[in-house]
Amino acid sequence: MKLLLAITVLGMLALNVSSQAIVCTPDICRNAKCDESLAETCTGVIIPNSSFCGCCPTCTTFLPPYAPCLNVNILFLTSDFKTAVCLPGFICKNGKCSPLIEADANVTE
């Protein structure tokens, strides 16, 4: 199980590195195909301009307090990738959504 998790995380990191090589040009959003059904299908919160290069909105689901989480930033080239983050006031720390304390203020998810 740990090996599978390690392979998955390494694969996600490889995607992150390769996607950062793509430059967001001023006109890149002109050809973006955003999910037009997002308002009907999102069961979380729609965040405007939050996809790769900020072309499209994305749907974010909030994880409850103490839920398992991954503290990995991943960039995907698709606008329909849905992500989950800890509730406001919580931060992904040691693999779970923990209450944000002053010492964590400089840590990002």
Protein backbone atom coordinates (compact mmCIF):
# COMPACT_ATOMS: atom_id res chain seq x y z
CA MET A 1 0.00 0.00 0.00
CA LYS A 2 2.81 2.43 0.88
CA LEU A 3 4.57 1.56 -2.38
CA LEU A 4 1.42 2.32 -4.37
CA LEU A 5 1.04 5.67 -2.59
CA ALA A 6 4.70 6.51 -3.23
CA ILE A 7 4.38 5.66 -6.93
CA THR A 8 1.21 7.75 -7.19
CA VAL A 9 2.81 10.78 -5.51
CA LEU A 10 5.93 10.50 -7.70
CA GLY A 11 3.75 10.32 -10.80
CA MET A 12 1.83 13.40 -9.71
CA LEU A 13 5.07 15.27 -9.07
CA ALA A 14 6.32 14.32 -12.54
CA LEU A 15 3.14 15.76 -14.05
CA ASN A 16 3.66 18.92 -12.03
CA VAL A 17 7.22 19.38 -13.29
CA SER A 18 6.30 18.74 -16.92
CA SER A 19 3.27 21.05 -16.80
CA GLN A 20 5.33 23.92 -15.39
CA ALA A 21 7.37 23.91 -18.59
CA ILE A 22 4.33 25.26 -20.46
CA VAL A 23 4.20 29.05 -20.53
CA CYS A 24 0.91 30.89 -20.07
CA THR A 25 0.97 33.32 -22.97
CA PRO A 26 -1.33 36.38 -22.97
CA ASP A 27 -3.71 34.80 -25.50
CA ILE A 28 -3.67 31.21 -24.19
CA CYS A 29 -7.20 31.48 -22.77
CA ARG A 30 -8.61 32.33 -26.20
CA ASN A 31 -8.75 28.62 -27.09
CA ALA A 32 -9.55 27.27 -23.62
CA LYS A 33 -12.54 24.94 -23.38
CA CYS A 34 -14.10 25.47 -19.97
CA ASP A 35 -16.66 23.13 -18.43
CA GLU A 36 -19.96 24.86 -19.19
CA SER A 37 -21.89 22.54 -16.84
CA LEU A 38 -19.75 23.40 -13.81
CA ALA A 39 -22.53 25.42 -12.15
CA GLU A 40 -24.86 22.41 -12.32
CA THR A 41 -22.33 19.70 -11.44
CA CYS A 42 -20.16 21.33 -8.76
CA THR A 43 -20.98 20.07 -5.27
CA GLY A 44 -18.50 22.46 -3.65
CA VAL A 45 -17.47 26.03 -4.36
CA ILE A 46 -16.68 27.44 -7.80
CA ILE A 47 -13.41 29.37 -7.83
CA PRO A 48 -13.16 31.79 -10.81
CA ASN A 49 -10.00 31.77 -12.95
CA SER A 50 -8.43 28.92 -10.96
CA SER A 51 -7.56 26.44 -13.70
CA PHE A 52 -4.19 26.12 -15.41
CA CYS A 53 -3.19 29.63 -16.56
CA GLY A 54 -6.36 31.00 -14.93
CA CYS A 55 -8.51 30.48 -18.01
CA CYS A 56 -11.46 28.68 -16.43
CA PRO A 57 -13.24 28.33 -13.11
CA THR A 58 -12.81 25.11 -11.12
CA CYS A 59 -14.85 23.33 -8.48
CA THR A 60 -13.31 23.01 -5.03
CA THR A 61 -14.67 20.69 -2.37
CA PHE A 62 -13.84 21.41 1.24
CA LEU A 63 -12.59 18.56 3.42
CA PRO A 64 -13.99 18.36 6.96
CA PRO A 65 -11.77 18.93 10.01
CA TYR A 66 -9.23 16.12 10.60
CA ALA A 67 -9.96 14.50 7.21
CA PRO A 68 -6.99 12.93 5.38
CA CYS A 69 -5.37 15.32 2.89
CA LEU A 70 -2.32 15.61 0.65
CA ASN A 71 -0.07 18.64 0.91
CA VAL A 72 0.98 18.51 -2.75
CA ASN A 73 0.45 21.29 -5.27
CA ILE A 74 -0.42 19.82 -8.65
CA LEU A 75 -0.97 21.61 -11.95
CA PHE A 76 -3.16 19.89 -14.50
CA LEU A 77 -3.69 20.90 -18.09
CA THR A 78 -7.42 20.24 -17.97
CA SER A 79 -10.07 22.61 -16.70
CA ASP A 80 -12.32 19.86 -15.32
CA PHE A 81 -9.95 18.68 -12.57
CA LYS A 82 -11.78 18.93 -9.26
CA THR A 83 -9.75 19.42 -6.11
CA ALA A 84 -10.37 19.19 -2.40
CA VAL A 85 -8.83 21.43 0.23
CA CYS A 86 -9.20 21.85 3.96
CA LEU A 87 -11.96 24.14 5.22
CA PRO A 88 -11.02 27.78 5.81
CA GLY A 89 -9.31 27.96 9.20
CA PHE A 90 -7.71 24.54 8.68
CA ILE A 91 -4.48 23.49 6.95
CA CYS A 92 -3.19 20.18 5.60
CA LYS A 93 -0.56 19.25 8.18
CA ASN A 94 0.90 15.78 8.72
CA GLY A 95 -1.65 14.28 6.33
CA LYS A 96 -4.82 15.63 7.96
CA CYS A 97 -6.83 18.86 8.01
CA SER A 98 -5.71 20.47 11.26
CA PRO A 99 -6.78 23.76 12.85
CA LEU A 100 -4.72 26.68 11.58
CA ILE A 101 -2.67 28.21 14.35
CA GLU A 102 -0.51 31.31 14.25
CA ALA A 103 2.66 29.24 13.74
CA ASP A 104 1.13 27.77 10.54
CA ALA A 105 0.24 31.16 9.05
CA ASN A 106 3.12 31.02 6.53
CA VAL A 107 2.36 27.45 5.39
CA THR A 108 0.28 27.02 2.23
CA GLU A 109 -1.76 24.05 1.08
